[in-house]
Amino acid sequence: MERTGGLRSWWALVREALRGEDRDFTAIGLRRAIVLLSIPMVMEMAMESLFALVDVYFVSKLGVDAVATVGLTESVLTIVYSIAWGLGAGVTAVVARRIGEKDTEGANVSAVQGILVALVAGVVIAIPGVLLAPDILRLMGASPQVIATGTPFTRIMFGSNVIILLLFGINAIFRGAGSAALAMRSLWLANAINIVLDPLLIFGLGPFPEMGVTGAAVATTVGRGCGVLYQCWHLFDGKGRIALARKHLRVVGATLLTIIRLSAGATGQFVIASASWVFMVRIVAGFGSDAVAGYTFAVRVMIFSLLPAWGMANAASTLVGQNLGAGHPDRAQRSAWLCGHYNMVFMVLVAVLFSLFAPWIMGFFTADPTVASYGVHALRIVCLGYFFYGYGMVLAQAFNGAGDALTPVWMNVICFWLLEIPLAWGLSKLFQGPDGVFAAIAISESALAVLSAVLFQRGRWKLAQV
């Protein structure tokens, strides 16, 4: 009976988290707060990772060149995603701090400033991305065939980054306010539409045109666009913690500059990390399209595991920001470490599963033994660093949630540019293959986690001003 009661209590907690009821996360039990925030945030990030898996699954039916198009484009788009993540980190930090201070109007004003930054940044990035799409693919080492067939895909994906930035930015508003269930539902909707449209547009089923790899870009853009419309509806319906009205639609210089300052620092750390991934795929491209395809499959699978883990990291960011705003710095620190413990357990379990089932996982995407072999090696080697990464990603977001965005910037410069890139080049020469790249990723991510733990424990982030 006691076990049944415990299961019912746990299920009730899960339902409460999915409903997204308003809670003061600075006052309720810390473990309860983590569960209520992390469940929808984990599911939100799982939905974001599902975009990557669904697209590459259907595109894989078109051949290696189509997969290489997606892999090379997405490698460069990681810089756009880095800007989106950075903007999200800055917005979450400011909104969470205002919510912790019980300043609802300040949170609403901050939300509008974050949306303005997303719109402007999206337009600035979209224009050169659309115009220079074939040159981007050429720079990444794409073959002439990949450039010929993949340019429309690349143009659409870069042109749609306004939608990407809005989707990430508005979800960051919801997370900072503690309304994580709304962020989750927006990605549920976006994914459902993408899953339906992908096969219809890629293969031309029924009345739909056969667009090939370009259809994947159209499906993703339409799905994400619908997700943004859903978000905007809830921003203005007046029922949530963030309830925007006409009076909030104005530029507030001080708040705008604070968000830009924090977002610039957070963007810097993500761009540094993403740029290193661009270098990684460029080194892998030197070993041929099969290596790029296998690496692309492996990265998509790893993203599927890492983005849910980012959900736990985002929960830590919200709890740190809100608790600092409420004047509870010690509770903020405990919340980050506890989230790190939970995340580490999850990541270790994922690493074990990847090691055991890597051949089966790669077989799901490709029947080519050479491509599959590269993917298996990538999965098994990179996941060796998952124990450390479980802590590292949480503590990095905890710095961001506190408003200390510069510390992770320097950590990323050291671990990714000064360690990972040279190490990947050297080890790839030593091993005469991409295994050296995979090993460099695991080593550098582990080093970053150790450095994060040392600096976080010192506690200087508690003094950051937001």
Protein backbone atom coordinates (compact mmCIF):
# COMPACT_ATOMS: atom_id res chain seq x y z
CA MET A 1 0.00 0.00 0.00
CA GLU A 2 2.83 2.39 0.85
CA ARG A 3 4.44 1.75 -2.54
CA THR A 4 1.12 2.36 -4.32
CA GLY A 5 0.67 5.58 -2.40
CA GLY A 6 4.17 6.67 -3.37
CA LEU A 7 3.50 6.00 -7.05
CA ARG A 8 0.24 7.93 -6.88
CA SER A 9 1.99 10.82 -5.19
CA TRP A 10 4.72 10.83 -7.87
CA TRP A 11 2.16 10.68 -10.68
CA ALA A 12 0.25 13.56 -9.11
CA LEU A 13 3.48 15.57 -9.05
CA VAL A 14 4.12 14.79 -12.74
CA ARG A 15 0.59 15.89 -13.67
CA GLU A 16 1.03 19.08 -11.68
CA ALA A 17 4.26 19.81 -13.56
CA LEU A 18 2.64 19.20 -16.95
CA ARG A 19 -0.36 21.40 -16.09
CA GLY A 20 2.01 24.26 -15.33
CA GLU A 21 0.23 25.71 -12.31
CA ASP A 22 1.73 28.88 -10.83
CA ARG A 23 4.06 28.19 -7.93
CA ASP A 24 6.46 30.28 -5.87
CA PHE A 25 9.61 28.25 -6.54
CA THR A 26 11.56 30.26 -3.96
CA ALA A 27 9.29 29.08 -1.13
CA ILE A 28 8.33 25.45 -1.81
CA GLY A 29 10.61 22.47 -1.08
CA LEU A 30 13.73 22.51 -3.24
CA ARG A 31 13.40 18.96 -4.56
CA ARG A 32 9.75 19.60 -5.36
CA ALA A 33 10.66 22.81 -7.15
CA ILE A 34 13.27 20.99 -9.24
CA VAL A 35 10.80 18.29 -10.25
CA LEU A 36 8.02 20.76 -11.13
CA LEU A 37 10.39 22.83 -13.28
CA SER A 38 12.57 20.11 -14.76
CA ILE A 39 9.86 17.75 -16.07
CA PRO A 40 8.38 20.24 -18.58
CA MET A 41 11.83 21.67 -19.33
CA VAL A 42 13.25 18.22 -20.05
CA MET A 43 10.28 17.44 -22.28
CA GLU A 44 10.65 20.80 -24.02
CA MET A 45 14.26 20.05 -24.87
CA ALA A 46 13.35 16.50 -25.90
CA MET A 47 10.93 18.02 -28.39
CA GLU A 48 13.65 20.31 -29.74
CA SER A 49 15.99 17.34 -30.18
CA LEU A 50 13.19 15.45 -31.94
CA PHE A 51 13.35 18.03 -34.75
CA ALA A 52 16.89 16.92 -35.51
CA LEU A 53 16.17 13.20 -35.39
CA VAL A 54 12.99 13.32 -37.47
CA ASP A 55 14.58 15.43 -40.20
CA VAL A 56 17.71 13.32 -40.53
CA TYR A 57 15.68 10.07 -40.42
CA PHE A 58 13.61 11.00 -43.47
CA VAL A 59 16.49 12.73 -45.26
CA SER A 60 18.62 9.59 -44.82
CA LYS A 61 16.33 7.86 -47.34
CA LEU A 62 17.61 10.28 -50.00
CA GLY A 63 21.26 9.23 -49.78
CA VAL A 64 24.61 10.27 -48.33
CA ASP A 65 24.76 13.63 -50.14
CA ALA A 66 21.43 14.71 -48.65
CA VAL A 67 22.60 13.75 -45.17
CA ALA A 68 25.87 15.60 -45.72
CA THR A 69 23.84 18.70 -46.73
CA VAL A 70 21.93 18.59 -43.47
CA GLY A 71 25.05 17.87 -41.43
CA LEU A 72 27.15 20.67 -42.91
CA THR A 73 24.31 23.22 -42.77
CA GLU A 74 23.41 22.35 -39.20
CA SER A 75 27.06 22.61 -38.19
CA VAL A 76 27.11 26.24 -39.29
CA LEU A 77 23.61 26.83 -37.92
CA THR A 78 24.92 25.89 -34.50
CA ILE A 79 26.21 29.46 -34.42
CA VAL A 80 22.62 30.68 -34.91
CA TYR A 81 21.45 28.29 -32.22
CA SER A 82 24.23 29.62 -30.01
CA ILE A 83 22.89 33.14 -30.42
CA ALA A 84 19.40 31.83 -29.64
CA TRP A 85 20.68 30.02 -26.54
CA GLY A 86 22.63 33.10 -25.48
CA LEU A 87 19.62 35.35 -25.89
CA GLY A 88 17.55 32.83 -23.98
CA ALA A 89 20.05 32.74 -21.14
CA GLY A 90 20.03 36.53 -20.83
CA VAL A 91 16.25 36.78 -20.98
CA THR A 92 15.78 33.96 -18.47
CA ALA A 93 18.20 35.57 -16.03
CA VAL A 94 16.44 38.96 -16.11
CA VAL A 95 12.87 37.61 -16.06
CA ALA A 96 13.68 35.11 -13.30
CA ARG A 97 15.31 37.83 -11.17
CA ARG A 98 12.25 40.09 -11.54
CA ILE A 99 9.89 37.22 -10.71
CA GLY A 100 11.96 36.38 -7.63
CA GLU A 101 11.68 40.03 -6.58
CA LYS A 102 7.87 39.83 -7.12
CA ASP A 103 8.16 42.56 -9.78
CA THR A 104 5.60 41.37 -12.35
CA GLU A 105 5.61 44.58 -14.37
CA GLY A 106 9.39 44.46 -14.57
CA ALA A 107 9.16 40.90 -15.86
CA ASN A 108 6.67 41.95 -18.56
CA VAL A 109 8.88 44.82 -19.68
CA SER A 110 11.90 42.51 -19.76
CA ALA A 111 9.99 40.03 -21.92
CA VAL A 112 9.25 42.66 -24.56
CA GLN A 113 12.89 43.79 -24.68
CA GLY A 114 13.97 40.18 -25.20
CA ILE A 115 11.56 39.79 -28.12
CA LEU A 116 12.90 42.98 -29.72
CA VAL A 117 16.46 41.70 -29.53
CA ALA A 118 15.39 38.38 -31.10
CA LEU A 119 13.68 40.13 -34.02
CA VAL A 120 16.61 42.42 -34.82
CA ALA A 121 19.25 39.70 -34.46
CA GLY A 122 17.21 37.31 -36.63
CA VAL A 123 16.97 39.76 -39.53
CA VAL A 124 20.66 40.68 -39.34
CA ILE A 125 21.70 37.01 -39.55
CA ALA A 126 19.14 35.93 -42.15
CA ILE A 127 20.22 38.27 -44.96
CA PRO A 128 23.86 37.12 -45.39
CA GLY A 129 22.87 33.50 -44.69
CA VAL A 130 20.39 33.48 -47.58
CA LEU A 131 22.71 35.29 -50.00
CA LEU A 132 25.83 33.27 -49.21
CA ALA A 133 24.32 29.78 -48.82
CA PRO A 134 26.39 28.03 -51.56
CA ASP A 135 29.56 29.72 -50.36
CA ILE A 136 28.88 28.51 -46.82
CA LEU A 137 28.55 24.92 -48.02
CA ARG A 138 31.71 25.27 -50.13
CA LEU A 139 33.62 26.68 -47.16
CA MET A 140 32.54 23.68 -45.09
CA GLY A 141 34.10 21.30 -47.60
CA ALA A 142 30.93 20.19 -49.40
CA SER A 143 31.28 18.40 -52.72
CA PRO A 144 29.90 20.07 -55.90
CA GLN A 145 26.93 17.67 -55.82
CA VAL A 146 26.10 18.58 -52.22
CA ILE A 147 26.30 22.28 -53.07
CA ALA A 148 24.01 21.85 -56.09
CA THR A 149 21.30 19.92 -54.26
CA GLY A 150 21.69 21.46 -50.81
CA THR A 151 21.73 25.21 -51.47
CA PRO A 152 17.91 25.66 -51.29
CA PHE A 153 17.85 23.75 -47.97
CA THR A 154 20.62 25.94 -46.57
CA ARG A 155 18.92 29.16 -47.76
CA ILE A 156 15.60 28.26 -46.12
CA MET A 157 17.23 27.22 -42.86
CA PHE A 158 19.23 30.45 -42.61
CA GLY A 159 16.29 32.57 -43.71
CA SER A 160 14.10 31.08 -41.00
CA ASN A 161 16.41 31.92 -38.13
CA VAL A 162 14.15 34.84 -37.15
CA ILE A 163 11.63 32.15 -36.22
CA ILE A 164 14.32 30.14 -34.43
CA LEU A 165 15.38 33.12 -32.32
CA LEU A 166 11.78 34.00 -31.44
CA LEU A 167 10.97 30.41 -30.51
CA PHE A 168 13.98 30.14 -28.22
CA GLY A 169 13.63 33.67 -26.85
CA ILE A 170 9.95 33.44 -25.94
CA ASN A 171 10.42 30.02 -24.39
CA ALA A 172 13.20 31.57 -22.29
CA ILE A 173 10.65 34.13 -21.06
CA PHE A 174 8.29 31.34 -20.02
CA ARG A 175 11.11 29.45 -18.29
CA GLY A 176 12.31 32.50 -16.39
CA ALA A 177 8.77 33.11 -15.17
CA GLY A 178 8.46 29.48 -14.05
CA SER A 179 5.86 28.72 -16.75
CA ALA A 180 7.87 25.85 -18.21
CA ALA A 181 4.77 23.92 -19.32
CA LEU A 182 3.93 26.61 -21.90
CA ALA A 183 7.42 26.34 -23.39
CA MET A 184 6.98 22.58 -23.57
CA ARG A 185 3.60 22.78 -25.31
CA SER A 186 4.85 25.21 -27.96
CA LEU A 187 7.46 22.66 -29.03
CA TRP A 188 4.95 19.81 -28.89
CA LEU A 189 2.87 21.68 -31.45
CA ALA A 190 5.88 22.59 -33.60
CA ASN A 191 7.12 18.99 -33.62
CA ALA A 192 3.75 17.48 -34.40
CA ILE A 193 3.47 19.66 -37.50
CA ASN A 194 7.06 18.93 -38.53
CA ILE A 195 6.61 15.17 -38.17
CA VAL A 196 3.51 15.24 -40.38
CA LEU A 197 4.96 17.54 -43.03
CA ASP A 198 8.42 15.95 -43.32
CA PRO A 199 7.47 12.81 -45.30
CA LEU A 200 4.77 14.68 -47.24
CA LEU A 201 7.14 17.36 -48.53
CA ILE A 202 10.33 15.31 -48.83
CA PHE A 203 8.79 12.43 -50.82
CA GLY A 204 5.82 14.25 -52.39
CA LEU A 205 3.07 12.10 -50.89
CA GLY A 206 -0.50 12.75 -52.04
CA PRO A 207 -1.08 16.26 -53.39
CA PHE A 208 2.20 17.60 -51.96
CA PRO A 209 5.17 18.36 -54.23
CA GLU A 210 8.30 16.20 -54.01
CA MET A 211 10.90 18.64 -52.65
CA GLY A 212 13.63 16.26 -51.50
CA VAL A 213 15.95 17.59 -48.82
CA THR A 214 14.45 21.08 -49.28
CA GLY A 215 11.15 19.70 -47.98
CA ALA A 216 12.76 19.03 -44.61
CA ALA A 217 13.66 22.72 -44.31
CA VAL A 218 10.13 23.81 -45.25
CA ALA A 219 8.54 21.38 -42.79
CA THR A 220 10.80 22.50 -39.95
CA THR A 221 10.18 26.18 -40.67
CA VAL A 222 6.39 25.78 -40.82
CA GLY A 223 6.36 23.75 -37.60
CA ARG A 224 8.48 26.25 -35.71
CA GLY A 225 6.45 29.15 -37.09
CA CYS A 226 3.26 27.63 -35.70
CA GLY A 227 5.01 27.18 -32.37
CA VAL A 228 5.83 30.92 -32.30
CA LEU A 229 2.18 31.82 -33.03
CA TYR A 230 1.13 29.61 -30.10
CA GLN A 231 3.64 31.37 -27.85
CA CYS A 232 2.42 34.83 -28.84
CA TRP A 233 -1.16 33.85 -28.13
CA HIS A 234 -0.26 32.95 -24.55
CA LEU A 235 1.90 36.03 -24.06
CA PHE A 236 -1.09 38.25 -24.72
CA ASP A 237 -4.01 36.20 -23.35
CA GLY A 238 -3.59 37.78 -19.89
CA LYS A 239 -3.75 34.46 -17.99
CA GLY A 240 -0.10 33.72 -17.21
CA ARG A 241 2.65 35.19 -15.07
CA ILE A 242 3.81 37.04 -18.16
CA ALA A 243 0.78 38.94 -19.46
CA LEU A 244 1.73 41.46 -22.11
CA ALA A 245 -0.47 44.43 -23.00
CA ARG A 246 -0.14 47.40 -25.31
CA LYS A 247 1.49 49.48 -22.58
CA HIS A 248 4.42 47.06 -22.46
CA LEU A 249 5.20 47.37 -26.19
CA ARG A 250 7.90 49.99 -25.89
CA VAL A 251 11.66 50.24 -25.72
CA VAL A 252 13.03 50.54 -22.18
CA GLY A 253 16.68 51.42 -22.61
CA ALA A 254 18.07 50.27 -19.25
CA THR A 255 16.35 46.87 -19.39
CA LEU A 256 17.21 46.42 -23.07
CA LEU A 257 20.89 47.09 -22.39
CA THR A 258 20.90 44.68 -19.45
CA ILE A 259 19.48 41.91 -21.62
CA ILE A 260 21.95 42.70 -24.42
CA ARG A 261 24.85 42.68 -21.95
CA LEU A 262 23.88 39.34 -20.42
CA SER A 263 22.90 37.81 -23.75
CA ALA A 264 26.15 38.93 -25.37
CA GLY A 265 28.16 37.15 -22.70
CA ALA A 266 26.01 34.02 -22.89
CA THR A 267 26.05 34.13 -26.70
CA GLY A 268 29.82 34.43 -26.59
CA GLN A 269 30.14 31.21 -24.62
CA PHE A 270 27.77 29.30 -26.90
CA VAL A 271 29.36 30.70 -30.08
CA ILE A 272 32.78 29.66 -28.82
CA ALA A 273 31.51 26.15 -28.16
CA SER A 274 29.63 25.98 -31.46
CA ALA A 275 32.55 27.32 -33.46
CA SER A 276 34.61 24.46 -32.10
CA TRP A 277 31.95 22.05 -33.43
CA VAL A 278 32.28 23.71 -36.84
CA PHE A 279 36.01 23.03 -36.72
CA MET A 280 35.29 19.46 -35.65
CA VAL A 281 33.05 18.74 -38.64
CA ARG A 282 35.55 20.49 -40.93
CA ILE A 283 38.29 18.12 -39.74
CA VAL A 284 35.93 15.14 -40.13
CA ALA A 285 35.06 16.30 -43.68
CA GLY A 286 38.68 15.69 -44.62
CA PHE A 287 37.98 11.95 -44.30
CA GLY A 288 35.11 11.97 -46.85
CA SER A 289 31.30 12.16 -47.07
CA ASP A 290 30.88 8.78 -45.34
CA ALA A 291 32.67 10.12 -42.27
CA VAL A 292 30.57 13.30 -42.30
CA ALA A 293 27.35 11.29 -42.64
CA GLY A 294 28.27 8.92 -39.79
CA TYR A 295 29.31 11.85 -37.61
CA THR A 296 26.04 13.65 -38.48
CA PHE A 297 23.95 10.66 -37.41
CA ALA A 298 25.91 10.35 -34.16
CA VAL A 299 25.60 14.07 -33.39
CA ARG A 300 21.84 13.96 -33.95
CA VAL A 301 21.53 11.03 -31.55
CA MET A 302 23.73 12.79 -28.99
CA ILE A 303 21.65 15.95 -29.31
CA PHE A 304 18.59 13.82 -28.59
CA SER A 305 20.16 12.89 -25.25
CA LEU A 306 21.83 16.21 -24.46
CA LEU A 307 18.89 18.54 -25.03
CA PRO A 308 16.71 16.83 -22.39
CA ALA A 309 19.69 17.16 -20.06
CA TRP A 310 19.72 20.86 -20.93
CA GLY A 311 16.18 20.90 -19.59
CA MET A 312 17.59 20.09 -16.16
CA ALA A 313 20.25 22.76 -16.67
CA ASN A 314 17.55 25.30 -17.55
CA ALA A 315 15.70 24.38 -14.36
CA ALA A 316 18.87 25.19 -12.43
CA SER A 317 19.14 28.53 -14.24
CA THR A 318 15.58 29.51 -13.31
CA LEU A 319 15.97 28.42 -9.68
CA VAL A 320 19.27 30.26 -9.29
CA GLY A 321 17.86 33.46 -10.78
CA GLN A 322 14.62 33.43 -8.81
CA ASN A 323 16.28 32.54 -5.51
CA LEU A 324 18.88 35.28 -5.91
CA GLY A 325 16.05 37.71 -6.61
CA ALA A 326 14.29 36.53 -3.46
CA GLY A 327 17.47 36.97 -1.38
CA HIS A 328 18.27 33.24 -0.93
CA PRO A 329 21.81 32.77 -2.35
CA ASP A 330 22.53 29.57 -0.40
CA ARG A 331 19.31 27.98 -1.68
CA ALA A 332 20.34 29.06 -5.19
CA GLN A 333 23.66 27.22 -4.79
CA ARG A 334 22.03 24.07 -3.40
CA SER A 335 19.56 23.99 -6.29
CA ALA A 336 22.38 24.03 -8.85
CA TRP A 337 24.33 21.20 -7.21
CA LEU A 338 21.21 19.08 -6.78
CA CYS A 339 20.27 19.56 -10.43
CA GLY A 340 23.83 18.58 -11.32
CA HIS A 341 23.56 15.34 -9.34
CA TYR A 342 20.32 14.38 -11.08
CA ASN A 343 21.73 15.27 -14.48
CA MET A 344 24.89 13.25 -13.91
CA VAL A 345 22.85 10.11 -13.15
CA PHE A 346 20.83 10.60 -16.34
CA MET A 347 23.90 11.18 -18.50
CA VAL A 348 25.72 8.11 -17.16
CA LEU A 349 22.69 5.94 -17.96
CA VAL A 350 22.60 7.38 -21.48
CA ALA A 351 26.33 6.70 -21.91
CA VAL A 352 25.87 3.05 -20.94
CA LEU A 353 22.98 2.66 -23.40
CA PHE A 354 24.96 4.29 -26.21
CA SER A 355 27.94 2.02 -25.60
CA LEU A 356 25.80 -1.12 -25.62
CA PHE A 357 23.42 -0.31 -28.46
CA ALA A 358 25.46 1.97 -30.74
CA PRO A 359 25.43 -0.50 -33.72
CA TRP A 360 21.65 -0.92 -33.48
CA ILE A 361 21.12 2.85 -33.17
CA MET A 362 23.21 3.56 -36.26
CA GLY A 363 21.48 0.74 -38.13
CA PHE A 364 18.23 2.62 -37.62
CA PHE A 365 19.59 5.47 -39.75
CA THR A 366 21.74 3.77 -42.38
CA ALA A 367 22.45 0.39 -43.93
CA ASP A 368 25.85 1.52 -45.19
CA PRO A 369 28.42 -0.33 -43.02
CA THR A 370 31.11 2.33 -43.49
CA VAL A 371 28.82 5.19 -42.47
CA ALA A 372 27.47 3.16 -39.56
CA SER A 373 31.00 2.35 -38.36
CA TYR A 374 31.92 6.03 -38.15
CA GLY A 375 28.71 6.73 -36.23
CA VAL A 376 29.28 3.89 -33.78
CA HIS A 377 32.79 5.10 -33.00
CA ALA A 378 31.57 8.66 -32.49
CA LEU A 379 28.83 7.60 -30.06
CA ARG A 380 31.02 5.29 -28.01
CA ILE A 381 33.97 7.65 -27.71
CA VAL A 382 32.18 10.95 -27.08
CA CYS A 383 29.86 9.49 -24.43
CA LEU A 384 32.92 8.63 -22.30
CA GLY A 385 32.77 12.24 -21.09
CA TYR A 386 29.08 12.18 -20.14
CA PHE A 387 29.74 11.73 -16.40
CA PHE A 388 31.48 15.10 -16.24
CA TYR A 389 29.24 16.77 -18.80
CA GLY A 390 26.18 16.11 -16.64
CA TYR A 391 27.59 18.52 -14.07
CA GLY A 392 29.25 20.93 -16.50
CA MET A 393 26.15 21.86 -18.47
CA VAL A 394 24.13 22.49 -15.28
CA LEU A 395 26.78 24.66 -13.64
CA ALA A 396 27.29 26.69 -16.83
CA GLN A 397 23.57 27.49 -16.90
CA ALA A 398 23.66 28.28 -13.18
CA PHE A 399 26.29 30.96 -13.89
CA ASN A 400 24.01 32.35 -16.60
CA GLY A 401 20.94 32.28 -14.37
CA ALA A 402 22.84 34.31 -11.80
CA GLY A 403 23.77 36.91 -14.42
CA ASP A 404 27.46 35.93 -14.49
CA ALA A 405 27.84 35.27 -18.20
CA LEU A 406 31.54 36.13 -18.51
CA THR A 407 32.96 33.29 -16.42
CA PRO A 408 31.67 30.59 -18.82
CA VAL A 409 33.06 32.60 -21.76
CA TRP A 410 36.64 32.28 -20.51
CA MET A 411 36.11 28.65 -19.55
CA ASN A 412 34.91 27.88 -23.08
CA VAL A 413 37.84 29.70 -24.69
CA ILE A 414 40.27 27.64 -22.64
CA CYS A 415 38.58 24.25 -23.03
CA PHE A 416 37.34 24.48 -26.62
CA TRP A 417 39.67 26.76 -28.56
CA LEU A 418 42.92 26.25 -26.67
CA LEU A 419 42.37 22.55 -25.89
CA GLU A 420 39.75 20.87 -28.09
CA ILE A 421 40.59 22.19 -31.57
CA PRO A 422 44.37 21.63 -31.44
CA LEU A 423 43.81 18.28 -29.73
CA ALA A 424 41.31 17.17 -32.40
CA TRP A 425 43.69 18.08 -35.21
CA GLY A 426 46.63 16.35 -33.55
CA LEU A 427 44.76 13.18 -32.57
CA SER A 428 43.11 12.85 -35.99
CA LYS A 429 46.61 12.84 -37.50
CA LEU A 430 47.82 10.37 -34.89
CA PHE A 431 44.90 7.95 -35.37
CA GLN A 432 44.68 8.61 -39.13
CA GLY A 433 40.94 9.08 -38.84
CA PRO A 434 38.06 10.92 -37.14
CA ASP A 435 38.38 8.90 -33.91
CA GLY A 436 40.87 11.53 -32.79
CA VAL A 437 38.18 14.20 -33.17
CA PHE A 438 35.75 12.17 -31.09
CA ALA A 439 38.32 11.66 -28.34
CA ALA A 440 39.14 15.38 -28.26
CA ILE A 441 35.47 16.21 -27.71
CA ALA A 442 35.21 13.87 -24.71
CA ILE A 443 38.44 15.17 -23.16
CA SER A 444 37.63 18.87 -23.54
CA GLU A 445 34.05 18.52 -22.25
CA SER A 446 35.35 16.73 -19.16
CA ALA A 447 37.94 19.44 -18.54
CA LEU A 448 35.23 22.10 -18.83
CA ALA A 449 33.09 20.37 -16.21
CA VAL A 450 35.95 20.18 -13.70
CA LEU A 451 36.80 23.86 -14.21
CA SER A 452 33.11 24.82 -13.84
CA ALA A 453 32.82 23.00 -10.53
CA VAL A 454 35.91 24.70 -9.08
CA LEU A 455 34.79 28.21 -10.05
CA PHE A 456 31.14 27.67 -9.06
CA GLN A 457 32.12 26.53 -5.59
CA ARG A 458 34.00 29.81 -5.03
CA GLY A 459 30.63 31.59 -5.15
CA ARG A 460 31.55 34.89 -6.83
CA TRP A 461 28.52 34.49 -9.13
CA LYS A 462 26.27 35.34 -6.15
CA LEU A 463 27.38 38.98 -6.45
CA ALA A 464 26.36 39.43 -10.11
CA GLN A 465 24.06 42.37 -10.79
CA VAL A 466 20.98 41.91 -12.99
